[in-house]
Protein backbone atom coordinates (compact mmCIF):
# COMPACT_ATOMS: atom_id res chain seq x y z
CA MET A 1 117.52 80.36 99.37
CA SER A 2 117.83 84.05 98.57
CA GLN A 3 118.52 86.87 101.04
CA VAL A 4 115.30 88.49 102.30
CA THR A 5 115.11 92.22 103.03
CA ILE A 6 112.02 93.68 104.69
CA GLU A 7 111.08 97.33 104.38
CA TYR A 8 108.12 99.22 105.78
CA THR A 9 106.36 102.04 103.94
CA GLU A 10 105.23 105.29 105.51
CA THR A 11 101.65 104.15 104.88
CA PHE A 12 102.36 100.99 106.91
CA SER A 13 103.73 103.11 109.74
CA ASN A 14 100.73 105.46 109.63
CA SER A 15 98.19 102.62 109.53
CA THR A 16 99.98 100.92 112.45
CA ASP A 17 99.79 104.13 114.50
CA LEU A 18 96.07 104.40 113.73
CA ALA A 19 95.48 100.78 114.74
CA ILE A 20 97.36 101.33 118.01
CA MET A 21 95.40 104.47 118.84
CA HIS A 22 92.11 102.70 118.03
CA LEU A 23 92.89 99.65 120.21
CA MET A 24 94.08 101.79 123.12
CA ARG A 25 90.50 102.99 123.56
CA TRP A 26 89.69 99.55 125.04
CA ASN A 27 93.06 98.16 126.14
CA ASP A 28 96.14 99.39 127.97
CA GLU A 29 99.02 100.72 125.88
CA LEU A 30 101.48 97.98 126.82
CA SER A 31 99.19 95.12 125.76
CA VAL A 32 98.37 96.85 122.47
CA LEU A 33 102.05 97.47 121.69
CA ASP A 34 102.89 93.86 122.61
CA LYS A 35 100.19 92.58 120.26
CA VAL A 36 101.39 94.73 117.35
CA GLU A 37 105.04 93.81 118.01
CA SER A 38 104.14 90.12 118.17
CA THR A 39 102.26 90.44 114.87
CA VAL A 40 105.21 92.09 113.13
CA ASP A 41 107.69 89.56 114.62
CA THR A 42 105.54 86.63 113.44
CA PHE A 43 105.27 88.18 109.98
CA GLU A 44 109.02 88.82 109.70
CA SER A 45 109.89 85.31 110.84
CA ALA A 46 107.45 83.73 108.38
CA VAL A 47 108.49 85.76 105.31
CA ASN A 48 112.18 85.36 106.10
CA ASN A 49 111.67 81.59 105.79
CA ASN A 50 109.26 81.75 102.85
CA PRO A 51 108.45 85.15 101.26
CA LEU A 52 105.37 83.75 99.51
CA ILE A 53 103.95 81.96 102.56
CA TYR A 54 100.81 84.12 102.70
CA PRO A 55 98.17 84.08 99.93
CA VAL A 56 97.36 86.80 97.42
CA SER A 57 94.97 89.28 99.06
CA PRO A 58 91.51 88.06 98.03
CA ASN A 59 90.03 91.49 98.76
CA LEU A 60 92.42 93.39 96.49
CA PHE A 61 92.12 90.76 93.81
CA ASP A 62 88.31 90.94 93.87
CA VAL A 63 88.15 94.75 94.01
CA ALA A 64 90.95 95.75 91.64
CA GLY A 65 92.35 92.59 90.06
CA ILE A 66 95.66 93.08 91.91
CA SER A 67 97.51 89.80 92.34
CA SER A 68 100.90 91.09 93.49
CA ILE A 69 99.79 92.02 97.02
CA ARG A 70 99.71 89.30 99.66
CA GLU A 71 97.71 89.28 102.89
CA ALA A 72 98.97 87.89 106.19
CA ASN A 73 96.25 87.38 108.81
CA ILE A 74 97.98 87.35 112.20
CA ASN A 75 96.72 88.08 115.74
CA GLY A 76 93.56 89.77 114.51
CA PHE A 77 95.38 91.97 111.99
CA LYS A 78 95.65 91.98 108.19
CA LEU A 79 99.13 92.84 107.00
CA LEU A 80 99.36 93.61 103.28
CA TYR A 81 102.73 93.22 101.61
CA GLU A 82 104.50 92.73 98.31
CA ALA A 83 107.33 90.27 97.58
CA GLU A 84 109.68 91.09 94.72
CA GLU A 85 112.64 88.98 93.65
CA GLN A 86 115.67 91.04 92.71
CA GLY A 87 118.39 88.65 91.57
CA GLU A 88 119.67 86.81 94.65
CA GLU A 89 117.56 88.95 96.97
CA THR A 90 113.86 89.07 97.76
CA LEU A 91 112.50 92.44 98.81
CA ILE A 92 109.46 92.35 101.09
CA THR A 93 107.58 95.66 101.26
CA ALA A 94 105.03 95.90 104.07
CA LEU A 95 102.30 98.22 102.82
CA LEU A 96 99.43 98.35 105.30
CA LEU A 97 98.32 97.06 108.70
CA LEU A 98 94.58 96.79 109.29
CA GLY A 99 92.35 95.34 111.94
CA GLN A 100 90.77 92.03 110.97
CA LYS A 101 87.33 93.65 110.58
CA GLN A 102 88.52 96.66 108.57
CA SER A 103 87.62 96.68 104.90
CA VAL A 104 90.53 96.71 102.46
CA LYS A 105 88.23 98.27 99.87
CA GLU A 106 87.29 101.14 102.19
CA GLN A 107 90.92 101.74 103.15
CA LEU A 108 91.94 101.80 99.50
CA THR A 109 89.18 104.30 98.71
CA GLN A 110 90.10 106.47 101.68
CA HIS A 111 93.78 106.43 100.71
CA CYS A 112 92.97 107.40 97.11
CA LEU A 113 90.77 110.28 98.29
CA MET A 114 93.33 111.58 100.79
CA TYR A 115 96.43 111.25 98.59
CA ARG A 116 95.11 111.81 95.07
C-alpha cells in the first residue's frame, strides 16, 4: 500500500466557508462546524485506506467528460477530489465541497465566470 497525502485547494477552502455560512442561517455554528469536520474526517479516513473508494463524479463526467474527478457523498455533502499516483505515493487533492442539492454544473459555470 502506498503512502497517501491529502491536500486541500483554496477553492475547497472557499467552498467550505460558503457552505458553513449558508448552513448557519438555519443551524447553530457549533453543529455546522461539527458536521463539516465529521465529513472531512470520514473522507480522510476512507481515502487513506483506499484512495479510489469513491466513484468518478457522474455530474462532471456527464457535463464535461471528466473522468479523473471523484465524488464522495458524505453527511449531505458532495466532496470532489482527484487521486494521483506518484511513484510510491498517492496524492489526494480535495477540490470542492458542495451541499448535496447544489449543482456541480452550476458551480463549475460560476467558477469559470468568476475566475476566467
